[in-house]
PDB file of N, CA and C in Angstrom:
ATOM      1  N   MET A   1     122.125 -47.808  27.798  1.00  0.00           N
ATOM      2  CA  MET A   1     120.974 -46.996  27.234  1.00  0.00           C
ATOM      3  C   MET A   1     120.052 -45.999  27.607  1.00  0.00           C
ATOM      4  N   SER A   2     119.381 -46.202  28.851  1.00  0.00           N
ATOM      5  CA  SER A   2     118.748 -45.339  29.244  1.00  0.00           C
ATOM      6  C   SER A   2     119.405 -44.226  29.806  1.00  0.00           C
ATOM      7  N   LEU A   3     120.378 -43.799  30.126  1.00  0.00           N
ATOM      8  CA  LEU A   3     121.336 -43.073  30.410  1.00  0.00           C
ATOM      9  C   LEU A   3     121.586 -41.859  29.006  1.00  0.00           C
ATOM     10  N   LEU A   4     121.876 -43.165  28.278  1.00  0.00           N
ATOM     11  CA  LEU A   4     121.736 -42.036  26.960  1.00  0.00           C
ATOM     12  C   LEU A   4     120.836 -41.387  26.530  1.00  0.00           C
ATOM     13  N   ARG A   5     119.647 -42.123  26.477  1.00  0.00           N
ATOM     14  CA  ARG A   5     118.380 -41.345  26.469  1.00  0.00           C
ATOM     15  C   ARG A   5     118.258 -40.502  26.810  1.00  0.00           C
ATOM     16  N   TRP A   6     118.170 -40.363  28.000  1.00  0.00           N
ATOM     17  CA  TRP A   6     117.899 -39.226  29.079  1.00  0.00           C
ATOM     18  C   TRP A   6     119.163 -37.988  28.734  1.00  0.00           C
ATOM     19  N   SER A   7     120.061 -38.249  28.740  1.00  0.00           N
ATOM     20  CA  SER A   7     120.884 -37.350  28.398  1.00  0.00           C
ATOM     21  C   SER A   7     120.453 -36.339  26.656  1.00  0.00           C
ATOM     22  N   PHE A   8     120.601 -37.208  26.026  1.00  0.00           N
ATOM     23  CA  PHE A   8     119.500 -36.396  24.812  1.00  0.00           C
ATOM     24  C   PHE A   8     118.575 -35.772  25.453  1.00  0.00           C
ATOM     25  N   LEU A   9     117.753 -36.537  25.692  1.00  0.00           N
ATOM     26  CA  LEU A   9     116.380 -35.730  25.910  1.00  0.00           C
ATOM     27  C   LEU A   9     116.575 -34.745  26.872  1.00  0.00           C
ATOM     28  N   SER A  10     117.558 -34.197  27.260  1.00  0.00           N
ATOM     29  CA  SER A  10     117.917 -33.421  28.149  1.00  0.00           C
ATOM     30  C   SER A  10     118.350 -31.794  27.306  1.00  0.00           C
ATOM     31  N   ILE A  11     119.069 -32.543  26.731  1.00  0.00           N
ATOM     32  CA  ILE A  11     119.831 -31.279  25.756  1.00  0.00           C
ATOM     33  C   ILE A  11     118.809 -30.935  24.910  1.00  0.00           C
ATOM     34  N   ILE A  12     117.706 -31.979  24.146  1.00  0.00           N
ATOM     35  CA  ILE A  12     116.539 -31.796  23.313  1.00  0.00           C
ATOM     36  C   ILE A  12     116.017 -30.010  24.281  1.00  0.00           C
ATOM     37  N   GLY A  13     115.657 -30.510  25.481  1.00  0.00           N
ATOM     38  CA  GLY A  13     114.601 -29.933  26.637  1.00  0.00           C
ATOM     39  C   GLY A  13     115.469 -28.614  26.682  1.00  0.00           C
ATOM     40  N   ILE A  14     116.661 -28.243  26.976  1.00  0.00           N
ATOM     41  CA  ILE A  14     117.561 -27.648  27.097  1.00  0.00           C
ATOM     42  C   ILE A  14     117.457 -26.478  25.577  1.00  0.00           C
ATOM     43  N   LEU A  15     117.510 -26.530  24.562  1.00  0.00           N
ATOM     44  CA  LEU A  15     117.581 -26.512  23.105  1.00  0.00           C
ATOM     45  C   LEU A  15     116.043 -25.660  23.136  1.00  0.00           C
ATOM     46  N   LEU A  16     115.277 -26.360  23.696  1.00  0.00           N
ATOM     47  CA  LEU A  16     113.887 -25.795  23.758  1.00  0.00           C
ATOM     48  C   LEU A  16     113.837 -24.873  24.053  1.00  0.00           C
ATOM     49  N   ILE A  17     114.470 -25.113  25.985  1.00  0.00           N
ATOM     50  CA  ILE A  17     114.381 -23.626  26.678  1.00  0.00           C
ATOM     51  C   ILE A  17     115.364 -22.328  26.010  1.00  0.00           C
ATOM     52  N   PHE A  18     116.010 -22.624  25.428  1.00  0.00           N
ATOM     53  CA  PHE A  18     117.097 -21.532  24.701  1.00  0.00           C
ATOM     54  C   PHE A  18     115.982 -21.030  23.754  1.00  0.00           C
ATOM     55  N   VAL A  19     115.707 -21.518  22.830  1.00  0.00           N
ATOM     56  CA  VAL A  19     114.631 -20.809  21.586  1.00  0.00           C
ATOM     57  C   VAL A  19     113.675 -20.403  22.222  1.00  0.00           C
ATOM     58  N   ALA A  20     112.866 -20.316  23.286  1.00  0.00           N
ATOM     59  CA  ALA A  20     112.027 -20.009  23.798  1.00  0.00           C
ATOM     60  C   ALA A  20     112.113 -18.744  24.532  1.00  0.00           C
ATOM     61  N   LEU A  21     113.439 -18.783  25.431  1.00  0.00           N
ATOM     62  CA  LEU A  21     113.921 -17.709  25.965  1.00  0.00           C
ATOM     63  C   LEU A  21     114.362 -16.485  24.913  1.00  0.00           C
ATOM     64  N   ALA A  22     114.827 -17.550  23.838  1.00  0.00           N
ATOM     65  CA  ALA A  22     115.261 -16.040  22.590  1.00  0.00           C
ATOM     66  C   ALA A  22     114.160 -15.266  21.935  1.00  0.00           C
ATOM     67  N   ASN A  23     112.913 -15.771  21.485  1.00  0.00           N
ATOM     68  CA  ASN A  23     111.853 -15.768  20.762  1.00  0.00           C
ATOM     69  C   ASN A  23     110.766 -15.805  21.506  1.00  0.00           C
ATOM     70  N   ARG A  24     110.765 -14.572  22.623  1.00  0.00           N
ATOM     71  CA  ARG A  24     109.770 -14.029  23.323  1.00  0.00           C
ATOM     72  C   ARG A  24     109.084 -13.095  23.179  1.00  0.00           C
ATOM     73  N   ASP A  25     109.547 -12.354  22.195  1.00  0.00           N
ATOM     74  CA  ASP A  25     108.683 -11.666  21.277  1.00  0.00           C
ATOM     75  C   ASP A  25     107.280 -11.836  20.794  1.00  0.00           C
ATOM     76  N   MET A  26     106.243 -10.871  20.802  1.00  0.00           N
ATOM     77  CA  MET A  26     104.755 -10.478  20.916  1.00  0.00           C
ATOM     78  C   MET A  26     104.784 -10.426  19.416  1.00  0.00           C
ATOM     79  N   VAL A  27     103.785 -11.587  18.389  1.00  0.00           N
ATOM     80  CA  VAL A  27     103.517 -11.077  16.925  1.00  0.00           C
ATOM     81  C   VAL A  27     102.345 -11.758  17.051  1.00  0.00           C
ATOM     82  N   ALA A  28     101.710 -10.930  15.755  1.00  0.00           N
ATOM     83  CA  ALA A  28     100.767 -10.581  15.588  1.00  0.00           C
ATOM     84  C   ALA A  28     100.126 -12.085  15.124  1.00  0.00           C
ATOM     85  N   LEU A  29      99.026 -12.961  15.150  1.00  0.00           N
ATOM     86  CA  LEU A  29      98.838 -14.078  14.126  1.00  0.00           C
ATOM     87  C   LEU A  29      97.985 -14.118  13.545  1.00  0.00           C
ATOM     88  N   ARG A  30      97.461 -13.934  12.107  1.00  0.00           N
ATOM     89  CA  ARG A  30      96.388 -14.156  11.266  1.00  0.00           C
ATOM     90  C   ARG A  30      96.272 -14.992  10.524  1.00  0.00           C
ATOM     91  N   LEU A  31      94.667 -14.989  10.151  1.00  0.00           N
ATOM     92  CA  LEU A  31      94.581 -16.154   9.305  1.00  0.00           C
ATOM     93  C   LEU A  31      94.712 -15.602   7.712  1.00  0.00           C
ATOM     94  N   VAL A  32      94.228 -14.710   7.498  1.00  0.00           N
ATOM     95  CA  VAL A  32      94.394 -14.067   6.270  1.00  0.00           C
ATOM     96  C   VAL A  32      95.012 -12.621   5.682  1.00  0.00           C
ATOM     97  N   PRO A  33      96.281 -12.420   5.175  1.00  0.00           N
ATOM     98  CA  PRO A  33      96.822 -11.324   4.959  1.00  0.00           C
ATOM     99  C   PRO A  33      96.084  -9.625   4.972  1.00  0.00           C
ATOM    100  N   ASP A  34      96.829  -8.774   5.220  1.00  0.00           N
ATOM    101  CA  ASP A  34      95.891  -7.936   5.501  1.00  0.00           C
ATOM    102  C   ASP A  34      95.288  -6.970   4.504  1.00  0.00           C
ATOM    103  N   GLU A  35      95.882  -7.387   3.002  1.00  0.00           N
ATOM    104  CA  GLU A  35      95.002  -6.982   1.584  1.00  0.00           C
ATOM    105  C   GLU A  35      93.876  -7.539   1.344  1.00  0.00           C
ATOM    106  N   TYR A  36      93.848  -8.670   1.694  1.00  0.00           N
ATOM    107  CA  TYR A  36      92.555  -9.622   1.806  1.00  0.00           C
ATOM    108  C   TYR A  36      91.252  -9.398   2.570  1.00  0.00           C
ATOM    109  N   SER A  37      91.804  -8.950   3.986  1.00  0.00           N
ATOM    110  CA  SER A  37      91.121  -8.637   4.677  1.00  0.00           C
ATOM    111  C   SER A  37      89.532  -8.364   4.802  1.00  0.00           C
ATOM    112  N   ALA A  38      89.445  -7.392   3.600  1.00  0.00           N
ATOM    113  CA  ALA A  38      88.235  -6.661   3.443  1.00  0.00           C
ATOM    114  C   ALA A  38      87.283  -7.780   2.852  1.00  0.00           C
ATOM    115  N   LEU A  39      87.948  -8.870   1.711  1.00  0.00           N
ATOM    116  CA  LEU A  39      87.256 -10.167   1.034  1.00  0.00           C
ATOM    117  C   LEU A  39      86.899 -11.413   2.011  1.00  0.00           C
ATOM    118  N   PHE A  40      87.637 -11.301   3.031  1.00  0.00           N
ATOM    119  CA  PHE A  40      87.368 -12.414   3.681  1.00  0.00           C
ATOM    120  C   PHE A  40      87.272 -12.072   5.585  1.00  0.00           C
ATOM    121  N   PRO A  41      85.982 -11.266   6.060  1.00  0.00           N
ATOM    122  CA  PRO A  41      86.306 -10.588   7.500  1.00  0.00           C
ATOM    123  C   PRO A  41      86.772 -11.790   8.190  1.00  0.00           C
ATOM    124  N   MET A  42      87.642 -11.635   8.939  1.00  0.00           N
ATOM    125  CA  MET A  42      87.954 -12.452  10.254  1.00  0.00           C
ATOM    126  C   MET A  42      88.180 -11.875  11.614  1.00  0.00           C
ATOM    127  N   PRO A  43      88.368 -12.418  12.015  1.00  0.00           N
ATOM    128  CA  PRO A  43      88.388 -12.008  13.672  1.00  0.00           C
ATOM    129  C   PRO A  43      89.447 -11.244  13.992  1.00  0.00           C
ATOM    130  N   ARG A  44      89.660 -10.530  14.633  1.00  0.00           N
ATOM    131  CA  ARG A  44      90.494  -9.890  14.982  1.00  0.00           C
ATOM    132  C   ARG A  44      92.503 -11.030  14.817  1.00  0.00           C
ATOM    133  N   PRO A  45      93.745  -9.810  14.502  1.00  0.00           N
ATOM    134  CA  PRO A  45      94.721 -11.007  14.837  1.00  0.00           C
ATOM    135  C   PRO A  45      94.986 -11.209  16.355  1.00  0.00           C
ATOM    136  N   VAL A  46      95.479 -12.663  16.632  1.00  0.00           N
ATOM    137  CA  VAL A  46      95.840 -12.945  18.592  1.00  0.00           C
ATOM    138  C   VAL A  46      97.198 -12.328  17.962  1.00  0.00           C
ATOM    139  N   GLU A  47      97.655 -11.840  19.343  1.00  0.00           N
ATOM    140  CA  GLU A  47      98.698 -12.072  19.952  1.00  0.00           C
ATOM    141  C   GLU A  47      99.215 -13.110  20.642  1.00  0.00           C
ATOM    142  N   LEU A  48     100.335 -13.874  20.358  1.00  0.00           N
ATOM    143  CA  LEU A  48     101.043 -14.206  20.898  1.00  0.00           C
ATOM    144  C   LEU A  48     102.747 -14.177  20.861  1.00  0.00           C
ATOM    145  N   PRO A  49     103.697 -15.283  21.833  1.00  0.00           N
ATOM    146  CA  PRO A  49     104.875 -15.171  21.602  1.00  0.00           C
ATOM    147  C   PRO A  49     105.326 -15.884  20.692  1.00  0.00           C
ATOM    148  N   LEU A  50     106.473 -15.892  19.761  1.00  0.00           N
ATOM    149  CA  LEU A  50     107.190 -16.243  19.027  1.00  0.00           C
ATOM    150  C   LEU A  50     107.260 -17.797  19.084  1.00  0.00           C
ATOM    151  N   PHE A  51     108.056 -17.806  20.500  1.00  0.00           N
ATOM    152  CA  PHE A  51     108.058 -19.563  20.860  1.00  0.00           C
ATOM    153  C   PHE A  51     107.128 -20.031  20.673  1.00  0.00           C
ATOM    154  N   LEU A  52     105.508 -19.941  20.979  1.00  0.00           N
ATOM    155  CA  LEU A  52     104.445 -20.630  20.717  1.00  0.00           C
ATOM    156  C   LEU A  52     104.224 -20.914  19.928  1.00  0.00           C
ATOM    157  N   VAL A  53     104.552 -20.020  18.540  1.00  0.00           N
ATOM    158  CA  VAL A  53     104.012 -19.966  17.066  1.00  0.00           C
ATOM    159  C   VAL A  53     105.117 -20.969  16.667  1.00  0.00           C
ATOM    160  N   ILE A  54     106.380 -20.810  16.953  1.00  0.00           N
ATOM    161  CA  ILE A  54     107.253 -21.849  16.287  1.00  0.00           C
ATOM    162  C   ILE A  54     106.826 -23.545  16.696  1.00  0.00           C
ATOM    163  N   PHE A  55     106.612 -23.316  18.133  1.00  0.00           N
ATOM    164  CA  PHE A  55     106.254 -25.181  18.692  1.00  0.00           C
ATOM    165  C   PHE A  55     105.169 -25.408  18.530  1.00  0.00           C
ATOM    166  N   ALA A  56     104.243 -24.475  17.689  1.00  0.00           N
ATOM    167  CA  ALA A  56     102.886 -24.900  17.687  1.00  0.00           C
ATOM    168  C   ALA A  56     103.167 -25.331  15.770  1.00  0.00           C
ATOM    169  N   GLY A  57     103.994 -24.923  15.102  1.00  0.00           N
ATOM    170  CA  GLY A  57     103.714 -25.243  13.956  1.00  0.00           C
ATOM    171  C   GLY A  57     104.668 -26.253  13.785  1.00  0.00           C
ATOM    172  N   ILE A  58     105.805 -26.661  14.762  1.00  0.00           N
ATOM    173  CA  ILE A  58     106.579 -28.024  14.841  1.00  0.00           C
ATOM    174  C   ILE A  58     105.134 -29.053  14.773  1.00  0.00           C
ATOM    175  N   VAL A  59     104.265 -28.983  16.230  1.00  0.00           N
ATOM    176  CA  VAL A  59     103.697 -30.121  16.864  1.00  0.00           C
ATOM    177  C   VAL A  59     102.444 -30.396  15.834  1.00  0.00           C
ATOM    178  N   LEU A  60     102.127 -29.052  14.812  1.00  0.00           N
ATOM    179  CA  LEU A  60     101.009 -29.313  13.520  1.00  0.00           C
ATOM    180  C   LEU A  60     101.982 -30.448  12.847  1.00  0.00           C
ATOM    181  N   GLY A  61     103.026 -30.157  12.360  1.00  0.00           N
ATOM    182  CA  GLY A  61     103.397 -30.968  10.959  1.00  0.00           C
ATOM    183  C   GLY A  61     103.877 -32.271  11.710  1.00  0.00           C
ATOM    184  N   LEU A  62     104.505 -32.571  12.882  1.00  0.00           N
ATOM    185  CA  LEU A  62     104.208 -34.083  13.426  1.00  0.00           C
ATOM    186  C   LEU A  62     102.775 -34.727  13.269  1.00  0.00           C
ATOM    187  N   LEU A  63     101.762 -33.760  13.672  1.00  0.00           N
ATOM    188  CA  LEU A  63     100.976 -34.738  13.732  1.00  0.00           C
ATOM    189  C   LEU A  63      99.797 -34.665  12.161  1.00  0.00           C
ATOM    190  N   ILE A  64     100.539 -34.149  11.384  1.00  0.00           N
ATOM    191  CA  ILE A  64      99.975 -34.040   9.794  1.00  0.00           C
ATOM    192  C   ILE A  64     100.928 -35.269   9.059  1.00  0.00           C
ATOM    193  N   GLY A  65     101.993 -35.294   9.629  1.00  0.00           N
ATOM    194  CA  GLY A  65     102.955 -36.609   9.277  1.00  0.00           C
ATOM    195  C   GLY A  65     102.482 -37.904   9.729  1.00  0.00           C
ATOM    196  N   PHE A  66     101.915 -37.533  10.916  1.00  0.00           N
ATOM    197  CA  PHE A  66     101.373 -38.637  11.318  1.00  0.00           C
ATOM    198  C   PHE A  66     100.332 -39.734  10.551  1.00  0.00           C
ATOM    199  N   ILE A  67      99.758 -38.587  10.694  1.00  0.00           N
ATOM    200  CA  ILE A  67      98.268 -39.001   9.775  1.00  0.00           C
ATOM    201  C   ILE A  67      98.244 -39.373   8.534  1.00  0.00           C
ATOM    202  N   TRP A  68      99.246 -38.722   7.632  1.00  0.00           N
ATOM    203  CA  TRP A  68      99.864 -39.250   6.557  1.00  0.00           C
ATOM    204  C   TRP A  68     100.185 -40.558   6.274  1.00  0.00           C
ATOM    205  N   GLU A  69     101.021 -40.666   7.716  1.00  0.00           N
ATOM    206  CA  GLU A  69     101.385 -42.455   7.706  1.00  0.00           C
ATOM    207  C   GLU A  69     100.319 -43.519   7.580  1.00  0.00           C
ATOM    208  N   TRP A  70      99.766 -42.793   8.671  1.00  0.00           N
ATOM    209  CA  TRP A  70      98.447 -43.744   9.123  1.00  0.00           C
ATOM    210  C   TRP A  70      97.901 -43.994   7.870  1.00  0.00           C
ATOM    211  N   MET A  71      97.318 -43.375   7.207  1.00  0.00           N
ATOM    212  CA  MET A  71      96.560 -43.448   5.828  1.00  0.00           C
ATOM    213  C   MET A  71      97.303 -43.832   4.839  1.00  0.00           C
ATOM    214  N   ARG A  72      98.436 -43.607   4.643  1.00  0.00           N
ATOM    215  CA  ARG A  72      99.615 -44.256   3.916  1.00  0.00           C
ATOM    216  C   ARG A  72      99.291 -46.069   4.084  1.00  0.00           C
ATOM    217  N   GLU A  73      99.769 -46.135   5.203  1.00  0.00           N
ATOM    218  CA  GLU A  73      99.916 -47.760   5.859  1.00  0.00           C
ATOM    219  C   GLU A  73      98.415 -48.567   6.032  1.00  0.00           C
ATOM    220  N   ARG A  74      97.334 -47.739   5.369  1.00  0.00           N
ATOM    221  CA  ARG A  74      96.039 -48.369   5.605  1.00  0.00           C
ATOM    222  C   ARG A  74      96.001 -49.651   4.726  1.00  0.00           C
ATOM    223  N   ARG A  75      96.784 -49.956   3.654  1.00  0.00           N
ATOM    224  CA  ARG A  75      96.169 -51.170   2.834  1.00  0.00           C
ATOM    225  C   ARG A  75      97.087 -52.067   3.192  1.00  0.00           C
ATOM    226  N   HIS A  76      98.256 -51.719   4.031  1.00  0.00           N
ATOM    227  CA  HIS A  76      99.149 -52.866   5.081  1.00  0.00           C
ATOM    228  C   HIS A  76      98.385 -53.315   5.918  1.00  0.00           C
ATOM    229  N   ARG A  77      97.642 -52.871   6.525  1.00  0.00           N
ATOM    230  CA  ARG A  77      97.267 -52.916   7.507  1.00  0.00           C
ATOM    231  C   ARG A  77      95.529 -53.697   7.448  1.00  0.00           C
ATOM    232  N   ARG A  78      95.160 -53.521   6.011  1.00  0.00           N
ATOM    233  CA  ARG A  78      94.076 -54.762   5.521  1.00  0.00           C
ATOM    234  C   ARG A  78      94.325 -55.572   5.312  1.00  0.00           C
ATOM    235  N   GLU A  79      95.772 -56.060   4.531  1.00  0.00           N
ATOM    236  CA  GLU A  79      96.292 -57.338   3.971  1.00  0.00           C
ATOM    237  C   GLU A  79      96.552 -58.214   5.313  1.00  0.00           C
ATOM    238  N   VAL A  80      97.539 -57.429   6.350  1.00  0.00           N
ATOM    239  CA  VAL A  80      97.492 -58.098   8.024  1.00  0.00           C
ATOM    240  C   VAL A  80      96.133 -58.905   8.215  1.00  0.00           C
ATOM    241  N   THR A  81      94.989 -57.944   8.317  1.00  0.00           N
ATOM    242  CA  THR A  81      93.469 -58.303   8.869  1.00  0.00           C
ATOM    243  C   THR A  81      93.382 -59.410   7.877  1.00  0.00           C
ATOM    244  N   VAL A  82      93.252 -59.295   6.955  1.00  0.00           N
ATOM    245  CA  VAL A  82      92.935 -60.368   5.831  1.00  0.00           C
ATOM    246  C   VAL A  82      93.495 -61.635   5.845  1.00  0.00           C
ATOM    247  N   SER A  83      94.908 -61.709   5.986  1.00  0.00           N
ATOM    248  CA  SER A  83      95.358 -62.733   6.351  1.00  0.00           C
ATOM    249  C   SER A  83      95.731 -63.532   7.509  1.00  0.00           C
ATOM    250  N   ARG A  84      95.022 -62.544   8.657  1.00  0.00           N
ATOM    251  CA  ARG A  84      95.174 -63.268   9.859  1.00  0.00           C
ATOM    252  C   ARG A  84      93.840 -64.078   9.884  1.00  0.00           C
ATOM    253  N   ARG A  85      92.274 -63.444   9.038  1.00  0.00           N
ATOM    254  CA  ARG A  85      91.399 -64.067   9.425  1.00  0.00           C
ATOM    255  C   ARG A  85      91.738 -65.264   8.820  1.00  0.00           C
ATOM    256  N   GLU A  86      92.118 -65.443   7.683  1.00  0.00           N
ATOM    257  CA  GLU A  86      92.553 -66.857   6.356  1.00  0.00           C
ATOM    258  C   GLU A  86      93.096 -67.358   7.033  1.00  0.00           C
ATOM    259  N   ILE A  87      93.916 -67.550   7.959  1.00  0.00           N
ATOM    260  CA  ILE A  87      94.936 -68.712   8.823  1.00  0.00           C
ATOM    261  C   ILE A  87      94.150 -68.670   9.858  1.00  0.00           C
ATOM    262  N   ALA A  88      93.487 -68.137  10.309  1.00  0.00           N
ATOM    263  CA  ALA A  88      92.248 -68.144  11.559  1.00  0.00           C
ATOM    264  C   ALA A  88      91.470 -69.602  10.842  1.00  0.00           C
ATOM    265  N   LYS A  89      90.846 -69.225   9.450  1.00  0.00           N
ATOM    266  CA  LYS A  89      90.066 -70.478   8.909  1.00  0.00           C
ATOM    267  C   LYS A  89      90.944 -71.540   9.002  1.00  0.00           C
ATOM    268  N   LEU A  90      91.655 -71.410   7.871  1.00  0.00           N
ATOM    269  CA  LEU A  90      92.537 -72.439   7.466  1.00  0.00           C
ATOM    270  C   LEU A  90      93.041 -73.559   8.928  1.00  0.00           C
ATOM    271  N   GLU A  91      93.318 -72.966   9.852  1.00  0.00           N
ATOM    272  CA  GLU A  91      93.574 -73.595  11.605  1.00  0.00           C
ATOM    273  C   GLU A  91      92.390 -74.599  11.829  1.00  0.00           C
ATOM    274  N   SER A  92      91.363 -73.959  11.621  1.00  0.00           N
ATOM    275  CA  SER A  92      90.061 -74.661  11.723  1.00  0.00           C
ATOM    276  C   SER A  92      89.799 -75.398  11.383  1.00  0.00           C
ATOM    277  N   GLU A  93      89.892 -75.153  10.142  1.00  0.00           N
ATOM    278  CA  GLU A  93      89.458 -76.217   8.719  1.00  0.00           C
ATOM    279  C   GLU A  93      91.157 -77.980   9.350  1.00  0.00           C
ATOM    280  N   ILE A  94      92.002 -77.268   9.645  1.00  0.00           N
ATOM    281  CA  ILE A  94      93.196 -78.713  10.019  1.00  0.00           C
ATOM    282  C   ILE A  94      92.606 -79.356  10.897  1.00  0.00           C
ATOM    283  N   GLY A  95      92.276 -78.145  12.399  1.00  0.00           N
ATOM    284  CA  GLY A  95      91.613 -78.762  13.694  1.00  0.00           C
ATOM    285  C   GLY A  95      90.985 -80.171  13.481  1.00  0.00           C
ATOM    286  N   ARG A  96      89.457 -79.547  12.147  1.00  0.00           N
ATOM    287  CA  ARG A  96      88.200 -80.275  11.952  1.00  0.00           C
ATOM    288  C   ARG A  96      89.173 -81.547  11.302  1.00  0.00           C
ATOM    289  N   LEU A  97      89.650 -81.260  10.193  1.00  0.00           N
ATOM    290  CA  LEU A  97      90.082 -82.197   9.338  1.00  0.00           C
ATOM    291  C   LEU A  97      90.598 -83.648  10.228  1.00  0.00           C
ATOM    292  N   LYS A  98      91.704 -83.316  10.946  1.00  0.00           N
ATOM    293  CA  LYS A  98      92.356 -83.998  12.027  1.00  0.00           C
ATOM    294  C   LYS A  98      91.535 -84.784  13.298  1.00  0.00           C
ATOM    295  N   LYS A  99      90.466 -84.377  13.355  1.00  0.00           N
ATOM    296  CA  LYS A  99      89.283 -85.094  13.929  1.00  0.00           C
ATOM    297  C   LYS A  99      88.586 -86.027  13.339  1.00  0.00           C
ATOM    298  N   GLU A 100      88.494 -85.141  12.240  1.00  0.00           N
ATOM    299  CA  GLU A 100      87.975 -86.517  11.123  1.00  0.00           C
ATOM    300  C   GLU A 100      88.704 -87.928  11.687  1.00  0.00           C
ATOM    301  N   GLN A 101      89.847 -87.194  10.849  1.00  0.00           N
ATOM    302  CA  GLN A 101      90.742 -88.513  10.640  1.00  0.00           C
ATOM    303  C   GLN A 101      91.110 -89.336  11.404  1.00  0.00           C
ATOM    304  N   ASN A 102      91.322 -89.070  12.683  1.00  0.00           N
ATOM    305  CA  ASN A 102      91.144 -89.595  14.307  1.00  0.00           C
ATOM    306  C   ASN A 102      89.667 -90.602  14.450  1.00  0.00           C
ATOM    307  N   LYS A 103      88.847 -89.959  14.147  1.00  0.00           N
ATOM    308  CA  LYS A 103      87.716 -90.808  14.089  1.00  0.00           C
ATOM    309  C   LYS A 103      87.816 -91.925  13.361  1.00  0.00           C
ATOM    310  N   ASP A 104      87.771 -91.776  12.439  1.00  0.00           N
ATOM    311  CA  ASP A 104      88.435 -92.549  10.892  1.00  0.00           C
ATOM    312  C   ASP A 104      88.898 -93.340  11.175  1.00  0.00           C
ATOM    313  N   SER A 105      90.199 -92.927  11.852  1.00  0.00           N
ATOM    314  CA  SER A 105      91.162 -93.732  11.801  1.00  0.00           C
ATOM    315  C   SER A 105      90.600 -95.045  13.458  1.00  0.00           C
ATOM    316  N   ASP A 106      89.729 -94.644  14.272  1.00  0.00           N
ATOM    317  CA  ASP A 106      89.691 -95.504  15.033  1.00  0.00           C
ATOM    318  C   ASP A 106      88.148 -96.511  14.562  1.00  0.00           C
ATOM    319  N   ASP A 107      87.786 -96.334  13.468  1.00  0.00           N
ATOM    320  CA  ASP A 107      87.071 -97.001  13.163  1.00  0.00           C
ATOM    321  C   ASP A 107      87.819 -98.815  12.282  1.00  0.00           C
ATOM    322  N   ILE A 108      88.445 -98.313  11.961  1.00  0.00           N
ATOM    323  CA  ILE A 108      88.808 -98.690  11.492  1.00  0.00           C
ATOM    324  C   ILE A 108      90.022 -99.862  12.091  1.00  0.00           C
ATOM    325  N   LEU A 109      90.611 -99.254  13.158  1.00  0.00           N
ATOM    326  CA  LEU A 109      91.426 -99.949  14.517  1.00  0.00           C
ATOM    327  C   LEU A 109      90.524-100.373  14.935  1.00  0.00           C
ATOM    328  N   ALA A 110      89.009-100.442  14.830  1.00  0.00           N
ATOM    329  CA  ALA A 110      87.821-101.206  15.677  1.00  0.00           C
ATOM    330  C   ALA A 110      87.607-102.052  14.830  1.00  0.00           C
ATOM    331  N   LEU A 111      87.516-102.543  13.558  1.00  0.00           N
ATOM    332  CA  LEU A 111      87.660-103.616  12.747  1.00  0.00           C
ATOM    333  C   LEU A 111      88.662-104.196  12.708  1.00  0.00           C
ATOM    334  N   LEU A 112      89.622-103.984  12.815  1.00  0.00           N
ATOM    335  CA  LEU A 112      90.564-104.946  12.298  1.00  0.00           C
ATOM    336  C   LEU A 112      90.912-105.685  14.387  1.00  0.00           C
ATOM    337  N   GLU A 113      90.025-105.167  14.588  1.00  0.00           N
ATOM    338  CA  GLU A 113      90.672-106.066  16.387  1.00  0.00           C
ATOM    339  C   GLU A 113      89.411-106.445  16.253  1.00  0.00           C
TER     340      GLU A 113
END
């Protein structure tokens, strides 16, 4: 399984290197379009290689997806926490009841002797 995983990661790495080599041209990255630059004065555009913009977009998309999924699963995590607390409370009550039962049974056995 490890060999399969490493070969898959190697192929992905080689493909990413090919994408980076094929997209080395510099592009201007702007926050607002040129038509709206008079309304919203922003700093001048940043010149970056295209592959960095592509990879940054992929990473940003992954981060947004992870955060979205984490927020969506919040309800399930809360239910698990509440269930664990209830289980711990019930287990402690069971332990207390067993101790009381053992103490009561000892008194009865003592009376019988």
